[in-house]
Amino acid sequence: MRARSIGAAAATALALVAARDLVQKKHALLRNFPVIGHARYLLETIGPELRQYVVTSNEEERPFSRDQRTWIYASAKEENNYFGFGTDVDVEHVQGHAYVKQRTFAGTLPDLHDPQAPLPSAKVLGGPRGRAKAFRPASVVNISAMSFGSLSGAAITALNKGAALAGAMQNTGEGGLSPYHRNGGDLILQIGTSYFGCRNEDGTFSLDKLKEVVAGAPVKAIEIKLSQGAKPGLGGMLPGAKVTPEIAEIRGIPAGKDCASPSRHTAFHDVDSMLDFVELIATETGLPVGIKSAVGEMSFWEELAMLMARGDRGVDFVTIDGGEGGTGAAPLIFTDSVSLPFRMGFSRVYSTFAEQGLTDDLTFIGSGKLGLPENAAVAFALGVDMINVAREAMLSIGCIQAQKCHTDKCPTGIATQNPWLVRGVDAPSKATRAAVYLRTLRKELLKVSGAVGVAHPALITTTDIEIMNGDYDARTLASVYGYKDGWGELGPELAQEITALLTTEPTPPQKPAC
């Protein structure tokens, strides 16, 4: 009797769905194929998941392949991240694949058994320009700019705690410095075009508010965001419905009202005034100040290098974001076709500064899928001093690449503000995973630099890596990107200093005299 009632209810429900499908005019498929047409929409909805686990090969999927995700997950969980029975990459035929050339002999190398895998920057950030609070970053791998609002508070908390455990830094993103960023990790404070957290009521920049923010948090440097890889040259709109009282307080904007982010800065209008702005902030805070940008037209970089060559003004670091960089939401044309990919964009910017002899005078930071050992090694060979990781850090705390960041329906609670979904993120345990991933990536970089015979990844050169062109050709990075002799390499003093820092054994404590 009960089964008959359930069957009758199901039949009634299907009849109602069929009737609705037949009379609605929005979907032609459902009018023609009532009820069964819904199967198509279901398959479309779960398409990314089906492709991830059923359809694609281990090296086929984008933006991160199954092998890449597996490596990150295993590394974050301290599981075996080795792969057996050979590579899934078609090494004989894949065009553009990078190969590192190992050396037979090497000098003294760092200890690879240290669980912390210490790997400091080869350069002192802010040192060349004499900033009052110049410092040597303790980790060449740090967490890239991701704002509270784009990520949940629990995710920001996990990443900040993870950064603290790994001795790394976290970039706040342009959304302002939130309470979730105050969990022990050192910070790079990002200033975007809306000046969130350091703005006047009319949206203009406020130096006094910036100084207040810096004074109350472990901010180690300030980054002025000119653009990002996923949507360069594009402003944004934060709908009033998403401007909660909490977000409004953090960003310094009215609660419940739309907030438009302009595509360009209002505190400066050209390279000359930008350098004045940089020097003002550096003088008032004592902190190193840099810029972040994707790479498009080169006249900006050429003028910046020319003005910095005079020696009186300059940025302390440059963060280059590749066009393959990720974000929560952006128009398809911007994610696919605006700004250069990382390797091409970075090499052009580095070459511009190299022509002026400035490469030892500022720190180069790279971002854009560099949280994988192969990509990171290539970046260091091209001249990067540090890398920032974003999506890879998200994967380490549970992201499954569902690609629903723009819908506020992230199933793992990372890129959403939905309280029910956010509850899935256990910040303490995820913090440990983030820290382990950061340390593991540093260890992998030490392994590959050791294979090349050098103590630090920044000592890998553009002749140590070749780019394959199918069966027919292989060219060094220097040849591919037009580098001259010595480009991409540290100056002799910096090279000797970082080698000594990593390979000098600590002096054992002296026994007291009897």
Protein backbone atom coordinates (compact mmCIF):
# COMPACT_ATOMS: atom_id res chain seq x y z
CA MET A 1 0.00 0.00 0.00
CA ARG A 2 2.86 2.36 0.90
CA ALA A 3 4.71 1.58 -2.33
CA ARG A 4 1.55 2.28 -4.31
CA SER A 5 1.18 5.69 -2.63
CA ILE A 6 4.80 6.58 -3.34
CA GLY A 7 4.39 5.52 -6.96
CA ALA A 8 1.25 7.58 -7.34
CA ALA A 9 2.95 10.64 -5.83
CA ALA A 10 5.93 10.24 -8.18
CA ALA A 11 3.65 9.89 -11.19
CA THR A 12 1.73 13.00 -10.17
CA ALA A 13 4.98 14.96 -9.76
CA LEU A 14 6.20 13.87 -13.20
CA ALA A 15 2.85 14.82 -14.73
CA LEU A 16 3.06 18.28 -13.18
CA VAL A 17 6.62 18.73 -14.47
CA ALA A 18 5.55 17.58 -17.92
CA ALA A 19 2.60 19.96 -17.95
CA ARG A 20 4.81 22.86 -16.91
CA ASP A 21 7.39 21.98 -19.54
CA LEU A 22 4.77 21.87 -22.30
CA VAL A 23 3.32 25.32 -21.54
CA GLN A 24 6.51 27.24 -20.70
CA LYS A 25 8.16 29.20 -23.53
CA LYS A 26 11.64 29.80 -22.15
CA HIS A 27 13.27 26.49 -23.16
CA ALA A 28 12.51 24.96 -26.57
CA LEU A 29 14.15 21.69 -25.54
CA LEU A 30 11.73 21.20 -22.64
CA ARG A 31 8.66 22.07 -24.76
CA ASN A 32 9.67 19.43 -27.29
CA PHE A 33 10.96 16.83 -24.80
CA PRO A 34 9.16 17.35 -21.47
CA VAL A 35 10.69 15.76 -18.37
CA ILE A 36 13.54 13.93 -20.15
CA GLY A 37 14.92 17.27 -21.40
CA HIS A 38 15.95 18.02 -17.83
CA ALA A 39 18.58 15.30 -18.10
CA ARG A 40 20.51 17.51 -20.49
CA TYR A 41 20.63 20.38 -17.99
CA LEU A 42 21.70 17.98 -15.23
CA LEU A 43 24.57 16.68 -17.35
CA GLU A 44 25.57 20.25 -18.20
CA THR A 45 25.61 21.17 -14.52
CA ILE A 46 27.84 18.28 -13.49
CA GLY A 47 29.93 18.40 -16.66
CA PRO A 48 33.11 19.70 -14.97
CA GLU A 49 32.94 16.92 -12.39
CA LEU A 50 32.37 14.25 -15.06
CA ARG A 51 35.31 15.51 -17.08
CA GLN A 52 37.54 15.62 -14.02
CA TYR A 53 36.95 12.07 -12.89
CA VAL A 54 35.68 10.13 -15.92
CA VAL A 55 36.49 11.62 -19.31
CA THR A 56 39.84 13.41 -19.40
CA SER A 57 43.32 11.91 -19.17
CA ASN A 58 45.70 12.65 -16.30
CA GLU A 59 47.45 15.45 -18.22
CA GLU A 60 44.58 16.84 -20.30
CA GLU A 61 42.39 18.95 -18.03
CA ARG A 62 42.70 22.70 -17.49
CA PRO A 63 43.45 24.88 -15.65
CA PHE A 64 45.07 22.18 -13.50
CA SER A 65 45.41 18.62 -14.74
CA ARG A 66 44.55 15.58 -12.64
CA ASP A 67 48.25 14.83 -12.08
CA GLN A 68 48.90 18.39 -10.95
CA ARG A 69 45.98 18.36 -8.53
CA THR A 70 47.00 14.95 -7.24
CA TRP A 71 50.52 16.23 -6.55
CA ILE A 72 49.19 19.24 -4.63
CA TYR A 73 46.69 17.18 -2.61
CA ALA A 74 49.27 14.54 -1.70
CA SER A 75 51.87 17.18 -0.82
CA ALA A 76 49.44 19.07 1.43
CA LYS A 77 48.47 15.87 3.26
CA GLU A 78 52.08 14.71 3.69
CA GLU A 79 51.28 11.64 1.62
CA ASN A 80 53.47 10.00 -1.00
CA ASN A 81 53.57 12.52 -3.87
CA TYR A 82 55.72 10.37 -6.14
CA PHE A 83 54.36 8.97 -9.44
CA GLY A 84 55.07 5.45 -10.64
CA PHE A 85 55.69 3.70 -13.95
CA GLY A 86 56.87 6.76 -15.86
CA THR A 87 55.43 10.03 -17.06
CA ASP A 88 51.95 10.66 -18.48
CA VAL A 89 53.41 13.44 -20.63
CA ASP A 90 54.07 12.56 -24.27
CA VAL A 91 57.66 13.72 -23.89
CA GLU A 92 58.68 12.94 -27.46
CA HIS A 93 56.02 15.08 -29.07
CA VAL A 94 54.75 17.78 -26.69
CA GLN A 95 55.73 21.18 -28.01
CA GLY A 96 56.76 23.77 -25.42
CA HIS A 97 57.54 21.33 -22.61
CA ALA A 98 60.41 22.44 -20.36
CA TYR A 99 63.28 20.14 -19.42
CA VAL A 100 65.81 20.82 -16.68
CA LYS A 101 69.38 19.77 -17.46
CA GLN A 102 71.02 18.12 -14.45
CA ARG A 103 74.75 18.51 -13.78
CA THR A 104 77.12 15.67 -13.00
CA PHE A 105 79.09 17.55 -10.34
CA ALA A 106 78.06 20.19 -7.80
CA GLY A 107 79.45 22.22 -4.97
CA THR A 108 78.12 22.24 -1.41
CA LEU A 109 74.31 21.98 -1.36
CA PRO A 110 71.71 22.65 1.37
CA ASP A 111 70.39 19.94 3.67
CA LEU A 112 67.28 18.46 2.07
CA HIS A 113 66.20 16.66 5.24
CA ASP A 114 65.19 19.76 7.21
CA PRO A 115 61.37 19.43 7.57
CA GLN A 116 60.95 23.20 7.40
CA ALA A 117 62.79 23.32 4.04
CA PRO A 118 64.06 26.88 4.67
CA LEU A 119 64.43 28.78 1.44
CA PRO A 120 64.87 32.54 1.91
CA SER A 121 64.95 35.12 -0.85
CA ALA A 122 68.34 35.85 -2.40
CA LYS A 123 67.57 39.57 -2.13
CA VAL A 124 66.76 41.91 0.75
CA LEU A 125 63.38 43.45 -0.01
CA GLY A 126 63.76 47.22 0.15
CA GLY A 127 67.49 47.00 0.85
CA PRO A 128 68.81 48.62 -2.35
CA ARG A 129 66.67 51.71 -1.78
CA GLY A 130 67.45 51.88 1.94
CA ARG A 131 63.92 51.44 3.26
CA ALA A 132 63.76 51.71 7.06
CA LYS A 133 62.00 48.33 7.37
CA ALA A 134 63.85 46.43 4.65
CA PHE A 135 64.03 42.67 5.28
CA ARG A 136 64.99 39.38 3.69
CA PRO A 137 61.82 37.31 3.10
CA ALA A 138 62.18 33.96 4.85
CA SER A 139 60.34 32.10 2.08
CA VAL A 140 60.55 32.42 -1.70
CA VAL A 141 57.07 30.86 -1.87
CA ASN A 142 54.24 33.01 -0.52
CA ILE A 143 50.45 33.23 -0.76
CA SER A 144 49.15 35.47 -3.51
CA ALA A 145 46.53 38.21 -3.32
CA MET A 146 43.07 36.85 -2.51
CA SER A 147 40.61 39.15 -0.77
CA PHE A 148 38.16 38.40 1.99
CA GLY A 149 34.90 38.58 0.09
CA SER A 150 36.26 36.60 -2.81
CA LEU A 151 37.30 33.90 -0.34
CA SER A 152 35.46 33.02 2.83
CA GLY A 153 36.67 34.12 6.23
CA ALA A 154 37.48 30.51 7.12
CA ALA A 155 39.61 30.10 3.99
CA ILE A 156 41.52 33.34 4.65
CA THR A 157 42.08 32.21 8.25
CA ALA A 158 43.41 28.83 7.14
CA LEU A 159 45.77 30.39 4.62
CA ASN A 160 47.07 32.96 7.11
CA LYS A 161 47.67 30.37 9.80
CA GLY A 162 49.31 28.16 7.19
CA ALA A 163 51.60 30.99 6.14
CA ALA A 164 52.59 31.51 9.78
CA LEU A 165 53.38 27.80 10.25
CA ALA A 166 55.48 27.74 7.07
CA GLY A 167 57.28 31.03 7.73
CA ALA A 168 55.73 32.55 4.61
CA MET A 169 53.75 35.71 3.87
CA GLN A 170 50.18 36.28 2.73
CA ASN A 171 49.01 39.04 0.41
CA THR A 172 45.74 40.56 1.61
CA GLY A 173 44.32 41.25 -1.84
CA GLU A 174 42.71 44.57 -2.64
CA GLY A 175 39.66 43.96 -0.40
CA GLY A 176 41.38 45.32 2.70
CA LEU A 177 42.95 43.84 5.81
CA SER A 178 40.30 41.75 7.56
CA PRO A 179 40.29 40.13 11.03
CA TYR A 180 40.84 36.82 9.25
CA HIS A 181 44.25 38.05 8.10
CA ARG A 182 45.31 38.51 11.72
CA ASN A 183 46.11 34.92 12.67
CA GLY A 184 49.88 35.10 12.98
CA GLY A 185 51.02 35.26 9.37
CA ASP A 186 53.08 38.16 8.04
CA LEU A 187 51.28 40.25 5.43
CA ILE A 188 51.80 42.15 2.23
CA LEU A 189 49.10 44.79 2.12
CA GLN A 190 47.67 45.33 -1.35
CA ILE A 191 46.24 48.69 -2.43
CA GLY A 192 43.84 48.54 -5.37
CA THR A 193 42.07 51.20 -7.36
CA SER A 194 39.28 51.53 -4.79
CA TYR A 195 41.75 51.95 -1.88
CA PHE A 196 39.68 49.65 0.33
CA GLY A 197 40.64 50.07 3.96
CA CYS A 198 42.57 53.28 3.30
CA ARG A 199 40.08 55.53 1.53
CA ASN A 200 38.18 58.70 2.22
CA GLU A 201 34.39 58.82 1.97
CA ASP A 202 34.60 59.96 -1.64
CA GLY A 203 36.76 56.95 -2.57
CA THR A 204 40.08 58.79 -2.79
CA PHE A 205 43.25 57.54 -1.12
CA SER A 206 43.85 58.35 2.56
CA LEU A 207 47.44 58.21 3.76
CA ASP A 208 46.39 58.58 7.40
CA LYS A 209 44.12 55.55 7.22
CA LEU A 210 46.83 53.54 5.50
CA LYS A 211 49.24 54.34 8.32
CA GLU A 212 46.62 53.27 10.87
CA VAL A 213 46.15 49.92 9.13
CA VAL A 214 49.90 49.31 8.86
CA ALA A 215 50.49 50.23 12.50
CA GLY A 216 47.95 47.69 13.73
CA ALA A 217 49.00 44.59 11.80
CA PRO A 218 52.14 42.59 10.83
CA VAL A 219 52.44 44.28 7.43
CA LYS A 220 55.90 43.70 5.95
CA ALA A 221 55.45 45.42 2.57
CA ILE A 222 52.88 47.28 0.48
CA GLU A 223 51.86 46.33 -3.05
CA ILE A 224 50.08 48.75 -5.38
CA LYS A 225 47.92 46.72 -7.75
CA LEU A 226 47.80 48.20 -11.24
CA SER A 227 46.17 45.13 -12.78
CA GLN A 228 45.88 41.36 -12.42
CA GLY A 229 46.28 38.59 -14.93
CA ALA A 230 42.68 37.45 -15.15
CA LYS A 231 41.08 40.83 -15.83
CA PRO A 232 43.68 43.52 -16.56
CA GLY A 233 42.39 47.01 -17.30
CA LEU A 234 38.93 46.13 -16.02
CA GLY A 235 37.13 47.65 -13.06
CA GLY A 236 34.42 45.88 -11.11
CA MET A 237 31.12 46.20 -9.31
CA LEU A 238 30.43 44.85 -5.84
CA PRO A 239 26.61 44.67 -5.64
CA GLY A 240 25.03 46.20 -2.59
CA ALA A 241 23.52 42.85 -1.61
CA LYS A 242 27.04 41.53 -1.03
CA VAL A 243 28.22 44.54 0.97
CA THR A 244 27.51 43.14 4.40
CA PRO A 245 28.19 45.25 7.51
CA GLU A 246 31.39 43.23 8.06
CA ILE A 247 32.70 43.79 4.53
CA ALA A 248 31.62 47.43 4.65
CA GLU A 249 33.65 48.04 7.82
CA ILE A 250 36.76 46.31 6.45
CA ARG A 251 36.65 48.10 3.10
CA GLY A 252 35.49 51.48 4.39
CA ILE A 253 32.36 51.66 2.24
CA PRO A 254 28.63 52.08 3.03
CA ALA A 255 26.82 48.84 3.85
CA GLY A 256 24.17 47.66 1.41
CA LYS A 257 25.17 49.99 -1.42
CA ASP A 258 26.76 49.16 -4.79
CA CYS A 259 30.48 49.88 -4.89
CA ALA A 260 32.17 50.39 -8.27
CA SER A 261 35.92 49.78 -8.57
CA PRO A 262 37.50 51.96 -11.27
CA SER A 263 39.81 50.39 -13.82
CA ARG A 264 42.63 52.88 -13.09
CA HIS A 265 44.09 54.63 -10.04
CA THR A 266 43.08 58.17 -9.10
CA ALA A 267 46.05 58.85 -6.75
CA PHE A 268 48.40 59.06 -9.75
CA HIS A 269 48.01 59.34 -13.51
CA ASP A 270 51.37 58.43 -15.09
CA VAL A 271 54.69 56.75 -14.28
CA ASP A 272 56.23 59.92 -12.87
CA SER A 273 53.38 60.57 -10.44
CA MET A 274 53.23 56.87 -9.57
CA LEU A 275 56.86 56.97 -8.43
CA ASP A 276 56.08 60.02 -6.31
CA PHE A 277 53.21 58.03 -4.76
CA VAL A 278 55.50 55.06 -4.10
CA GLU A 279 58.14 57.21 -2.42
CA LEU A 280 55.49 58.98 -0.30
CA ILE A 281 54.16 55.68 1.05
CA ALA A 282 57.66 54.27 1.61
CA THR A 283 58.77 57.41 3.47
CA GLU A 284 55.67 57.58 5.66
CA THR A 285 55.56 53.88 6.56
CA GLY A 286 59.21 52.82 6.24
CA LEU A 287 58.03 49.72 4.35
CA PRO A 288 59.18 48.38 0.99
CA VAL A 289 56.67 49.36 -1.71
CA GLY A 290 56.12 47.63 -5.03
CA ILE A 291 53.65 47.26 -7.86
CA LYS A 292 51.67 44.35 -9.30
CA SER A 293 50.65 44.18 -12.92
CA ALA A 294 49.85 41.96 -15.83
CA VAL A 295 51.84 42.72 -18.98
CA GLY A 296 50.36 44.37 -22.05
CA GLU A 297 51.94 47.30 -23.87
CA MET A 298 55.57 47.86 -22.95
CA SER A 299 55.91 51.64 -22.96
CA PHE A 300 54.90 51.76 -19.27
CA TRP A 301 57.75 49.43 -18.30
CA GLU A 302 60.26 51.17 -20.53
CA GLU A 303 59.48 54.54 -18.94
CA LEU A 304 59.54 53.05 -15.43
CA ALA A 305 62.99 51.51 -15.98
CA MET A 306 64.30 54.73 -17.53
CA LEU A 307 63.13 56.85 -14.57
CA MET A 308 64.44 54.34 -12.03
CA ALA A 309 67.86 54.38 -13.71
CA ARG A 310 68.30 57.93 -12.40
CA GLY A 311 68.49 56.47 -8.87
CA ASP A 312 66.37 59.00 -6.96
CA ARG A 313 63.04 57.12 -7.04
CA GLY A 314 61.92 53.57 -7.63
CA VAL A 315 59.81 50.60 -6.65
CA ASP A 316 61.29 47.97 -4.36
CA PHE A 317 59.62 45.03 -6.07
CA VAL A 318 57.63 44.18 -9.16
CA THR A 319 55.00 41.42 -9.15
CA ILE A 320 54.25 40.15 -12.64
CA ASP A 321 50.98 38.26 -13.06
CA GLY A 322 50.50 36.06 -16.09
CA GLY A 323 47.42 36.17 -18.28
CA GLU A 324 46.76 32.57 -17.20
CA GLY A 325 46.27 33.80 -13.63
CA GLY A 326 43.03 32.93 -11.88
CA THR A 327 40.29 34.94 -10.24
CA GLY A 328 36.84 34.40 -8.82
CA ALA A 329 35.04 35.94 -11.78
CA ALA A 330 35.94 37.69 -15.02
CA PRO A 331 34.55 37.99 -18.56
CA LEU A 332 35.66 35.14 -20.82
CA ILE A 333 37.47 37.48 -23.23
CA PHE A 334 39.65 38.72 -20.36
CA THR A 335 40.46 35.28 -18.93
CA ASP A 336 41.31 33.92 -22.37
CA SER A 337 42.77 36.76 -24.40
CA VAL A 338 43.82 39.90 -22.49
CA SER A 339 47.45 40.29 -21.24
CA LEU A 340 50.44 38.09 -22.01
CA PRO A 341 51.07 34.64 -20.49
CA PHE A 342 53.54 34.69 -17.61
CA ARG A 343 56.72 33.52 -19.32
CA MET A 344 56.36 35.89 -22.24
CA GLY A 345 55.23 38.85 -20.14
CA PHE A 346 57.81 38.41 -17.40
CA SER A 347 60.71 37.95 -19.81
CA ARG A 348 59.84 41.19 -21.58
CA VAL A 349 59.65 43.15 -18.32
CA TYR A 350 62.85 41.60 -16.96
CA SER A 351 64.68 42.40 -20.20
CA THR A 352 63.58 46.02 -19.95
CA PHE A 353 65.14 46.39 -16.49
CA ALA A 354 68.19 44.35 -17.52
CA GLU A 355 68.91 46.80 -20.34
CA GLN A 356 69.15 49.52 -17.67
CA GLY A 357 71.33 47.38 -15.35
CA LEU A 358 68.70 47.40 -12.58
CA THR A 359 67.91 43.75 -12.00
CA ASP A 360 69.92 43.46 -8.76
CA ASP A 361 68.26 46.61 -7.41
CA LEU A 362 64.72 45.29 -7.11
CA THR A 363 62.97 42.04 -6.28
CA PHE A 364 61.00 40.25 -9.00
CA ILE A 365 57.94 38.29 -7.92
CA GLY A 366 56.02 36.02 -10.27
CA SER A 367 52.47 34.65 -10.19
CA GLY A 368 50.30 32.65 -12.54
CA LYS A 369 50.30 28.84 -12.07
CA LEU A 370 53.79 28.95 -10.54
CA GLY A 371 52.88 26.74 -7.58
CA LEU A 372 54.01 23.68 -9.52
CA PRO A 373 57.74 22.77 -9.40
CA GLU A 374 58.30 22.77 -13.17
CA ASN A 375 56.69 26.18 -13.73
CA ALA A 376 58.45 27.61 -10.69
CA ALA A 377 61.85 26.38 -11.85
CA VAL A 378 61.37 28.03 -15.24
CA ALA A 379 60.31 31.27 -13.53
CA PHE A 380 63.43 31.32 -11.33
CA ALA A 381 65.63 30.68 -14.34
CA LEU A 382 64.05 33.66 -16.11
CA GLY A 383 64.94 35.92 -13.17
CA VAL A 384 62.15 35.63 -10.63
CA ASP A 385 63.27 35.99 -7.00
CA MET A 386 60.02 34.86 -5.33
CA ILE A 387 56.72 33.31 -6.40
CA ASN A 388 53.16 33.81 -5.21
CA VAL A 389 50.65 30.95 -5.24
CA ALA A 390 46.87 31.39 -5.26
CA ARG A 391 44.81 28.58 -6.80
CA GLU A 392 47.43 26.04 -5.74
CA ALA A 393 47.05 27.28 -2.15
CA MET A 394 43.27 26.95 -2.52
CA LEU A 395 43.69 23.37 -3.73
CA SER A 396 45.88 22.63 -0.71
CA ILE A 397 43.02 23.53 1.66
CA GLY A 398 40.36 21.57 -0.18
CA CYS A 399 39.40 23.28 -3.47
CA ILE A 400 38.27 20.65 -6.01
CA GLN A 401 38.40 22.88 -9.13
CA ALA A 402 34.60 22.90 -9.37
CA GLN A 403 34.92 26.25 -11.22
CA LYS A 404 31.94 27.74 -9.40
CA CYS A 405 33.88 30.63 -7.81
CA HIS A 406 31.74 33.22 -9.61
CA THR A 407 28.42 31.72 -8.43
CA ASP A 408 28.90 31.97 -4.63
CA LYS A 409 28.19 28.21 -4.58
CA CYS A 410 31.69 26.85 -4.04
CA PRO A 411 30.97 23.31 -2.76
CA THR A 412 34.02 23.27 -0.47
CA GLY A 413 33.26 26.61 1.24
CA ILE A 414 36.45 28.32 0.05
CA ALA A 415 35.22 30.83 -2.55
CA THR A 416 31.82 31.65 -1.10
CA GLN A 417 30.16 33.63 1.66
CA ASN A 418 27.35 31.08 2.12
CA PRO A 419 27.47 30.18 5.85
CA TRP A 420 26.26 26.61 5.28
CA LEU A 421 29.01 25.95 2.74
CA VAL A 422 31.70 27.83 4.70
CA ARG A 423 31.13 25.57 7.71
CA GLY A 424 32.85 22.80 5.74
CA VAL A 425 36.21 24.56 6.09
CA ASP A 426 37.96 23.54 9.32
CA ALA A 427 40.55 26.32 9.52
CA PRO A 428 43.04 24.66 11.94
CA SER A 429 43.42 21.43 9.96
CA LYS A 430 43.40 23.23 6.60
CA ALA A 431 46.09 25.59 7.90
CA THR A 432 48.35 22.61 8.51
CA ARG A 433 47.76 21.41 4.96
CA ALA A 434 48.56 24.84 3.50
CA ALA A 435 51.78 24.97 5.50
CA VAL A 436 52.83 21.48 4.44
CA TYR A 437 52.17 22.33 0.79
CA LEU A 438 54.29 25.50 1.01
CA ARG A 439 57.15 23.62 2.66
CA THR A 440 56.89 20.76 0.17
CA LEU A 441 57.09 23.13 -2.79
CA ARG A 442 60.18 24.74 -1.29
CA LYS A 443 61.73 21.29 -0.81
CA GLU A 444 60.97 20.37 -4.42
CA LEU A 445 62.67 23.58 -5.57
CA LEU A 446 65.72 22.73 -3.47
CA LYS A 447 65.77 19.26 -5.03
CA VAL A 448 65.65 20.55 -8.58
CA SER A 449 68.24 23.27 -7.94
CA GLY A 450 70.43 20.59 -6.37
CA ALA A 451 70.05 18.47 -9.50
CA VAL A 452 71.29 21.45 -11.49
CA GLY A 453 74.21 21.70 -9.06
CA VAL A 454 73.34 25.00 -7.36
CA ALA A 455 72.24 25.84 -3.83
CA HIS A 456 69.21 28.01 -4.58
CA PRO A 457 66.59 28.06 -7.38
CA ALA A 458 67.47 31.69 -8.13
CA LEU A 459 70.88 30.36 -9.28
CA ILE A 460 69.31 28.24 -12.04
CA THR A 461 70.14 29.93 -15.34
CA THR A 462 68.39 30.25 -18.68
CA THR A 463 70.86 27.75 -20.17
CA ASP A 464 69.97 25.11 -17.58
CA ILE A 465 66.48 24.63 -19.03
CA GLU A 466 65.47 23.84 -22.58
CA ILE A 467 62.10 24.12 -24.29
CA MET A 468 61.31 21.21 -26.59
CA ASN A 469 59.78 21.64 -30.03
CA GLY A 470 58.45 18.16 -30.67
CA ASP A 471 60.95 15.69 -32.14
CA TYR A 472 62.83 18.30 -34.08
CA ASP A 473 64.36 20.99 -31.93
CA ALA A 474 65.24 22.10 -28.42
CA ARG A 475 66.19 25.64 -27.44
CA THR A 476 67.42 27.12 -24.18
CA LEU A 477 65.26 29.62 -22.33
CA ALA A 478 67.82 32.28 -23.24
CA SER A 479 67.30 31.54 -26.93
CA VAL A 480 63.52 31.33 -26.73
CA TYR A 481 63.09 34.63 -24.86
CA GLY A 482 66.01 36.59 -26.31
CA TYR A 483 68.08 36.87 -23.13
CA LYS A 484 71.62 38.21 -23.35
CA ASP A 485 74.55 36.73 -21.44
CA GLY A 486 74.03 37.06 -17.69
CA TRP A 487 70.35 37.94 -17.87
CA GLY A 488 68.17 36.05 -15.42
CA GLU A 489 71.16 35.56 -13.11
CA LEU A 490 72.02 37.11 -9.77
CA GLY A 491 75.00 39.40 -9.51
CA PRO A 492 78.15 37.72 -8.11
CA GLU A 493 77.80 39.23 -4.63
CA LEU A 494 74.15 38.19 -4.29
CA ALA A 495 74.95 34.69 -5.59
CA GLN A 496 77.78 34.22 -3.11
CA GLU A 497 75.70 35.60 -0.24
CA ILE A 498 72.69 33.29 -0.75
CA THR A 499 74.92 30.25 -1.34
CA ALA A 500 76.76 30.90 1.91
CA LEU A 501 73.47 31.48 3.73
CA LEU A 502 72.08 28.11 2.67
CA THR A 503 75.18 25.95 2.88
CA THR A 504 77.13 27.23 5.87
CA GLU A 505 76.66 24.80 8.71
CA PRO A 506 75.75 26.39 12.05
CA THR A 507 78.55 26.55 14.58
CA PRO A 508 77.96 23.97 17.34
CA PRO A 509 77.66 25.39 20.87
CA GLN A 510 80.95 25.56 22.76
CA LYS A 511 81.34 23.44 25.87
CA PRO A 512 82.12 25.48 28.96
CA ALA A 513 85.72 25.31 30.13
CA CYS A 514 86.34 23.13 33.15
